[in-house]
Amino acid sequence: MVAATVVVTRDLLKATMLFAIYSLIIAALFATLDAGDVALTEAAVGAGISTVLILAVLALVPRHEKRQAGHSLPALAIVIVTGAALVYASFDLPQFGHPDNPVQQHLAPYFIEQTYANMGIPNMVAAVLASYRSIDTMGEAVVILTAGIAVYALLSPAPRRRQRRREQDS
C-alpha cells in the first residue's frame, strides 16, 4: 500500500517520507525474521541516510513533479514480464521454515556443531556474524561509511562559501 502511494503521488517530499516509512516496515519485517543485522542496516541506510540524502536533493529541486503526457508501454511490459517471472520462480521455493529445507539439513547443523570448535566464541550468533559473515558485515559497514561521507559532502558548504565567510569574519 505504501509503495503504491509513492508511485501515484506527485509531491516529492511526501514520496520521500513514504519511502522512509516503507523502509522502516521492511526493517521490521527483517527483524521478525530474526535477521537483526539486515534489519539494522535497512533501518540505518534505507530509512536514515537515504532519507537525509533525498531531503538534501529536495532542497535543490522543485517540490512537486511535473506531469508528462502519455505512458511508456514498453516500460509497463517489462515490469509485467519481470513480475510474472518472479511470481513463477517463487513457486519453486521451499516452504518457509519447513524442517526439510536444505538450509535446515546442511547449514544449520554445521553451524550448531562446529561454530564453537572453529571460532572459540560461545555465542553462536556473534561467531557467525564475526567470522562466517565477516565479509558481508564489513561490506555493510563500508556502505554505511560511504553513505555518511556522501551526506557530509552534500551538506557541507562549498569551498567558496567558506572562503567568503572567513573573509567576512576577518
Protein backbone atom coordinates (compact mmCIF):
# COMPACT_ATOMS: atom_id res chain seq x y z
CA MET A 1 0.00 0.00 0.00
CA VAL A 2 2.79 2.42 0.90
CA ALA A 3 4.73 1.62 -2.29
CA ALA A 4 1.63 2.14 -4.42
CA THR A 5 1.05 5.53 -2.81
CA VAL A 6 4.64 6.54 -3.57
CA VAL A 7 4.12 5.71 -7.25
CA VAL A 8 0.99 7.86 -7.66
CA THR A 9 1.98 10.91 -5.59
CA ARG A 10 3.48 13.96 -7.30
CA ASP A 11 4.64 15.60 -4.06
CA LEU A 12 8.31 14.61 -3.78
CA LEU A 13 8.51 15.40 -0.05
CA LYS A 14 5.53 13.14 0.61
CA ALA A 15 7.11 10.42 -1.53
CA THR A 16 10.36 10.73 0.43
CA MET A 17 8.60 10.35 3.77
CA LEU A 18 6.62 7.39 2.45
CA PHE A 19 9.86 5.75 1.28
CA ALA A 20 11.24 6.19 4.82
CA ILE A 21 8.10 4.57 6.27
CA TYR A 22 8.34 1.73 3.75
CA SER A 23 11.98 1.17 4.69
CA LEU A 24 11.09 1.02 8.38
CA ILE A 25 8.35 -1.52 7.62
CA ILE A 26 10.86 -3.66 5.71
CA ALA A 27 13.35 -3.33 8.60
CA ALA A 28 10.63 -4.53 11.00
CA LEU A 29 9.94 -7.46 8.68
CA PHE A 30 13.63 -8.40 8.70
CA ALA A 31 13.64 -8.17 12.49
CA THR A 32 10.65 -10.52 12.76
CA LEU A 33 12.54 -12.96 10.51
CA ASP A 34 15.43 -12.90 13.03
CA ALA A 35 17.76 -11.09 10.62
CA GLY A 36 18.83 -8.43 13.09
CA ASP A 37 21.91 -7.28 11.21
CA VAL A 38 19.97 -6.84 7.98
CA ALA A 39 17.16 -5.05 9.84
CA LEU A 40 19.64 -2.66 11.44
CA THR A 41 21.31 -1.93 8.11
CA GLU A 42 17.96 -1.37 6.39
CA ALA A 43 16.84 1.00 9.14
CA ALA A 44 20.13 2.93 9.12
CA VAL A 45 20.71 3.11 5.37
CA GLY A 46 17.18 2.83 3.98
CA ALA A 47 15.23 4.93 6.45
CA GLY A 48 18.03 7.07 7.82
CA ILE A 49 20.81 8.04 5.47
CA SER A 50 18.84 7.64 2.23
CA THR A 51 16.08 9.87 3.55
CA VAL A 52 18.60 12.55 4.55
CA LEU A 53 20.24 12.37 1.11
CA ILE A 54 16.91 12.67 -0.70
CA LEU A 55 15.86 15.59 1.52
CA ALA A 56 19.16 17.31 0.70
CA VAL A 57 18.41 16.88 -3.00
CA LEU A 58 14.86 18.17 -2.50
CA ALA A 59 16.32 21.39 -1.13
CA LEU A 60 17.75 21.97 -4.62
CA VAL A 61 14.79 20.98 -6.81
CA PRO A 62 11.08 21.85 -7.00
CA ARG A 63 8.89 20.00 -4.53
CA HIS A 64 6.22 18.83 -6.99
CA GLU A 65 6.84 16.62 -10.00
CA LYS A 66 5.55 17.88 -13.34
CA ARG A 67 3.14 15.56 -15.12
CA GLN A 68 4.19 14.25 -18.50
CA ALA A 69 1.71 13.33 -21.19
CA GLY A 70 1.44 9.71 -22.28
CA HIS A 71 2.54 6.40 -20.86
CA SER A 72 5.54 4.23 -21.55
CA LEU A 73 4.09 0.96 -22.78
CA PRO A 74 7.49 -0.76 -23.20
CA ALA A 75 8.32 0.01 -19.56
CA LEU A 76 4.95 -1.36 -18.45
CA ALA A 77 5.52 -4.53 -20.49
CA ILE A 78 8.97 -5.03 -18.94
CA VAL A 79 7.56 -4.61 -15.44
CA ILE A 80 4.72 -7.07 -16.08
CA VAL A 81 7.03 -9.70 -17.63
CA THR A 82 9.57 -9.34 -14.80
CA GLY A 83 6.85 -9.55 -12.15
CA ALA A 84 5.31 -12.63 -13.78
CA ALA A 85 8.74 -14.30 -13.95
CA LEU A 86 9.37 -13.61 -10.26
CA VAL A 87 5.98 -14.96 -9.26
CA TYR A 88 6.55 -18.07 -11.40
CA ALA A 89 10.01 -18.59 -9.88
CA SER A 90 8.61 -18.24 -6.35
CA PHE A 91 6.60 -21.45 -6.81
CA ASP A 92 9.88 -23.40 -6.82
CA LEU A 93 10.95 -22.06 -3.42
CA PRO A 94 10.73 -24.46 -0.48
CA GLN A 95 8.06 -23.87 2.13
CA PHE A 96 9.21 -21.19 4.59
CA GLY A 97 10.53 -22.63 7.85
CA HIS A 98 9.98 -26.27 6.89
CA PRO A 99 12.46 -28.57 8.69
CA ASP A 100 13.28 -30.45 5.47
CA ASN A 101 14.57 -27.33 3.69
CA PRO A 102 18.19 -27.56 2.50
CA VAL A 103 19.32 -24.80 4.86
CA GLN A 104 17.93 -26.77 7.82
CA GLN A 105 19.56 -30.01 6.65
CA HIS A 106 23.05 -28.81 5.78
CA LEU A 107 23.97 -25.35 7.08
CA ALA A 108 22.18 -25.14 10.42
CA PRO A 109 23.57 -28.42 11.83
CA TYR A 110 27.08 -27.49 10.70
CA PHE A 111 26.92 -24.09 12.42
CA ILE A 112 25.43 -25.58 15.58
CA GLU A 113 28.05 -28.32 15.83
CA GLN A 114 31.18 -26.58 14.52
CA THR A 115 30.95 -22.90 15.44
CA TYR A 116 32.44 -23.15 18.91
CA ALA A 117 35.15 -25.56 17.79
CA ASN A 118 36.12 -23.34 14.83
CA MET A 119 35.84 -19.93 16.48
CA GLY A 120 36.04 -20.44 20.23
CA ILE A 121 33.20 -17.96 20.70
CA PRO A 122 30.37 -19.27 22.91
CA ASN A 123 27.68 -17.03 21.38
CA MET A 124 26.79 -18.69 18.08
CA VAL A 125 25.14 -15.59 16.56
CA ALA A 126 28.16 -13.41 17.32
CA ALA A 127 30.51 -16.07 15.97
CA VAL A 128 28.58 -16.38 12.72
CA LEU A 129 28.42 -12.60 12.23
CA ALA A 130 32.06 -12.04 13.17
CA SER A 131 33.55 -14.96 11.29
CA TYR A 132 31.44 -16.71 8.69
CA ARG A 133 29.72 -13.49 7.59
CA SER A 134 32.59 -11.11 8.31
CA ILE A 135 32.99 -10.04 4.68
CA ASP A 136 29.26 -9.31 4.46
CA THR A 137 29.35 -7.38 7.74
CA MET A 138 32.40 -5.44 6.55
CA GLY A 139 30.55 -4.65 3.31
CA GLU A 140 27.61 -3.29 5.29
CA ALA A 141 29.98 -1.12 7.32
CA VAL A 142 31.57 0.20 4.10
CA VAL A 143 28.12 1.06 2.72
CA ILE A 144 27.21 2.97 5.87
CA LEU A 145 30.58 4.76 5.90
CA THR A 146 30.25 5.71 2.23
CA ALA A 147 26.73 6.99 2.78
CA GLY A 148 27.92 9.05 5.74
CA ILE A 149 30.72 10.59 3.69
CA ALA A 150 28.23 11.37 0.90
CA VAL A 151 25.88 13.07 3.36
CA TYR A 152 28.74 15.10 4.79
CA ALA A 153 29.89 16.10 1.29
CA LEU A 154 26.38 17.13 0.25
CA LEU A 155 25.58 19.08 3.38
CA SER A 156 28.93 20.82 3.90
CA PRO A 157 29.27 24.33 2.45
CA ALA A 158 31.13 24.76 -0.80
CA PRO A 159 34.79 25.90 -0.55
CA ARG A 160 33.99 29.36 -1.98
CA ARG A 161 31.38 29.95 0.69
CA ARG A 162 33.86 29.01 3.38
CA GLN A 163 36.42 31.45 2.00
CA ARG A 164 33.86 34.27 1.84
CA ARG A 165 32.82 33.59 5.43
CA ARG A 166 36.43 33.70 6.58
CA GLU A 167 36.99 36.98 4.74
CA GLN A 168 33.82 38.45 6.25
CA ASP A 169 34.84 37.31 9.74
CA SER A 170 38.29 38.93 9.40
